[in-house]
Amino acid sequence: MSLCVLAGGKTIALAISAFTLSWTHSVEKTEWREHWELTPAGLELAEAAVKGSGAGMEPGPDAVLREGWWVWEPGLAPQQRISLAASGATGRGWTLCHDSGCMELGAAAGDAVVLVPCTQPSGKP
């Protein structure tokens, strides 16, 4: 499977089956990360983790503290797309990491980024 990243009128196809998406919460200034897997059903959130808690950053009810992170399995249904919109309040956007490296997404306020499974061999969403 491949993940298509739609940003700035361009599409980037990444030949990956899983990725981690991380960012800093705009109010609490605390790091959040999610591990996603690409499956035939769509984008599946396998695990979420937050380094602390606060306004809008409550760990899930089954969260366990692991190396300073509250970690849990959210139980979210598979998603067909993940839409990200940069607020400009955190100083940076999101970081998407996979086996081959990392890339920053939505660094400027107002930048819109969409993550979708690529459905065509050409890498088009």
Protein backbone atom coordinates (compact mmCIF):
# COMPACT_ATOMS: atom_id res chain seq x y z
CA MET A 1 0.00 0.00 0.00
CA SER A 2 0.96 3.63 -0.35
CA LEU A 3 0.08 6.83 1.43
CA CYS A 4 -0.70 9.94 -0.63
CA VAL A 5 0.11 13.29 0.94
CA LEU A 6 -1.84 16.14 -0.69
CA ALA A 7 -0.36 19.56 0.13
CA GLY A 8 0.12 22.80 -1.73
CA GLY A 9 -1.55 21.49 -4.87
CA LYS A 10 0.89 18.57 -5.08
CA THR A 11 0.60 14.87 -4.34
CA ILE A 12 3.45 12.88 -2.84
CA ALA A 13 3.07 9.08 -2.84
CA LEU A 14 4.95 7.21 -0.11
CA ALA A 15 5.32 3.44 -0.48
CA ILE A 16 4.73 2.70 3.21
CA SER A 17 2.38 0.55 5.27
CA ALA A 18 2.60 2.48 8.55
CA PHE A 19 3.59 5.92 9.82
CA THR A 20 3.73 8.02 12.95
CA LEU A 21 2.19 11.46 13.01
CA SER A 22 3.35 13.82 15.80
CA TRP A 23 2.72 17.44 16.72
CA THR A 24 2.76 19.92 19.59
CA HIS A 25 -0.57 20.91 21.16
CA SER A 26 -1.16 24.64 20.54
CA VAL A 27 -2.36 25.44 24.08
CA GLU A 28 -0.57 22.96 26.35
CA LYS A 29 2.67 22.92 24.28
CA THR A 30 2.81 19.17 24.89
CA GLU A 31 3.80 16.59 22.29
CA TRP A 32 1.23 14.18 20.89
CA ARG A 33 1.88 11.25 18.56
CA GLU A 34 -0.21 8.68 16.75
CA HIS A 35 0.82 5.49 15.01
CA TRP A 36 -1.26 4.79 11.87
CA GLU A 37 -1.40 1.71 9.64
CA LEU A 38 -2.59 1.53 6.05
CA THR A 39 -5.00 -1.37 5.61
CA PRO A 40 -7.56 -2.38 2.97
CA ALA A 41 -10.21 -0.77 5.24
CA GLY A 42 -8.39 2.58 5.27
CA LEU A 43 -6.13 4.42 7.71
CA GLU A 44 -6.25 2.69 11.09
CA LEU A 45 -5.11 4.41 14.28
CA ALA A 46 -3.18 1.68 16.12
CA GLU A 47 -1.85 3.70 19.05
CA ALA A 48 -1.92 7.21 20.49
CA ALA A 49 0.47 8.74 23.01
CA VAL A 50 0.67 12.07 24.80
CA LYS A 51 3.51 13.40 26.90
CA GLY A 52 1.42 14.78 29.76
CA SER A 53 -2.18 15.90 29.88
CA GLY A 54 -4.20 19.09 29.94
CA ALA A 55 -6.89 20.99 28.07
CA GLY A 56 -8.03 18.76 25.19
CA MET A 57 -5.20 16.31 25.80
CA GLU A 58 -6.67 13.73 28.12
CA PRO A 59 -5.20 10.26 27.65
CA GLY A 60 -7.62 7.45 26.79
CA PRO A 61 -9.29 5.54 29.63
CA ASP A 62 -7.00 2.51 29.19
CA ALA A 63 -3.78 4.59 28.94
CA VAL A 64 -0.62 3.36 30.63
CA LEU A 65 2.41 5.45 31.49
CA ARG A 66 5.38 4.23 29.43
CA GLU A 67 8.71 6.10 29.46
CA GLY A 68 7.01 9.43 30.22
CA TRP A 69 4.21 8.96 27.65
CA TRP A 70 0.57 8.09 28.29
CA VAL A 71 -0.06 5.39 25.66
CA TRP A 72 -3.35 3.75 24.61
CA GLU A 73 -5.27 2.18 21.73
CA PRO A 74 -8.05 4.63 20.77
CA GLY A 75 -10.40 2.15 19.03
CA LEU A 76 -11.21 4.59 16.23
CA ALA A 77 -12.90 3.19 13.11
CA PRO A 78 -10.73 3.13 9.94
CA GLN A 79 -10.53 6.56 8.31
CA GLN A 80 -10.60 7.26 4.58
CA ARG A 81 -8.64 10.50 5.03
CA ILE A 82 -6.86 12.54 7.66
CA SER A 83 -7.18 16.32 7.21
CA LEU A 84 -4.63 18.55 8.91
CA ALA A 85 -4.88 22.34 9.13
CA ALA A 86 -2.01 24.37 10.57
CA SER A 87 -2.93 26.95 13.22
CA GLY A 88 0.45 28.66 13.32
CA ALA A 89 0.21 28.65 17.14
CA THR A 90 2.77 25.90 17.74
CA GLY A 91 5.76 27.15 15.79
CA ARG A 92 5.67 24.16 13.45
CA GLY A 93 3.27 21.74 11.82
CA TRP A 94 3.10 17.97 12.00
CA THR A 95 5.94 15.50 11.60
CA LEU A 96 5.19 12.35 9.61
CA CYS A 97 7.77 9.59 10.13
CA HIS A 98 8.07 6.17 8.49
CA ASP A 99 10.79 3.56 8.00
CA SER A 100 12.65 5.70 5.44
CA GLY A 101 12.63 9.01 7.31
CA CYS A 102 10.53 11.97 8.38
CA MET A 103 8.92 15.00 6.75
CA GLU A 104 7.31 18.13 8.16
CA LEU A 105 3.78 18.94 7.03
CA GLY A 106 1.70 22.10 7.39
CA ALA A 107 4.47 24.32 8.76
CA ALA A 108 2.81 27.64 7.88
CA ALA A 109 -0.48 28.87 9.35
CA GLY A 110 -3.36 27.96 7.07
CA ASP A 111 -1.50 25.17 5.28
CA ALA A 112 -3.95 22.38 4.53
CA VAL A 113 -2.68 18.81 4.26
CA VAL A 114 -4.67 15.67 3.52
CA LEU A 115 -3.44 12.10 4.02
CA VAL A 116 -5.24 9.37 2.07
CA PRO A 117 -4.45 5.84 0.95
CA CYS A 118 -3.29 5.88 -2.67
CA THR A 119 -5.81 3.89 -4.69
CA GLN A 120 -4.23 3.90 -8.14
CA PRO A 121 -0.88 2.51 -9.28
CA SER A 122 0.12 6.00 -10.45
CA GLY A 123 0.05 7.20 -6.85
CA LYS A 124 -3.11 9.28 -7.31
CA PRO A 125 -5.61 9.35 -4.44
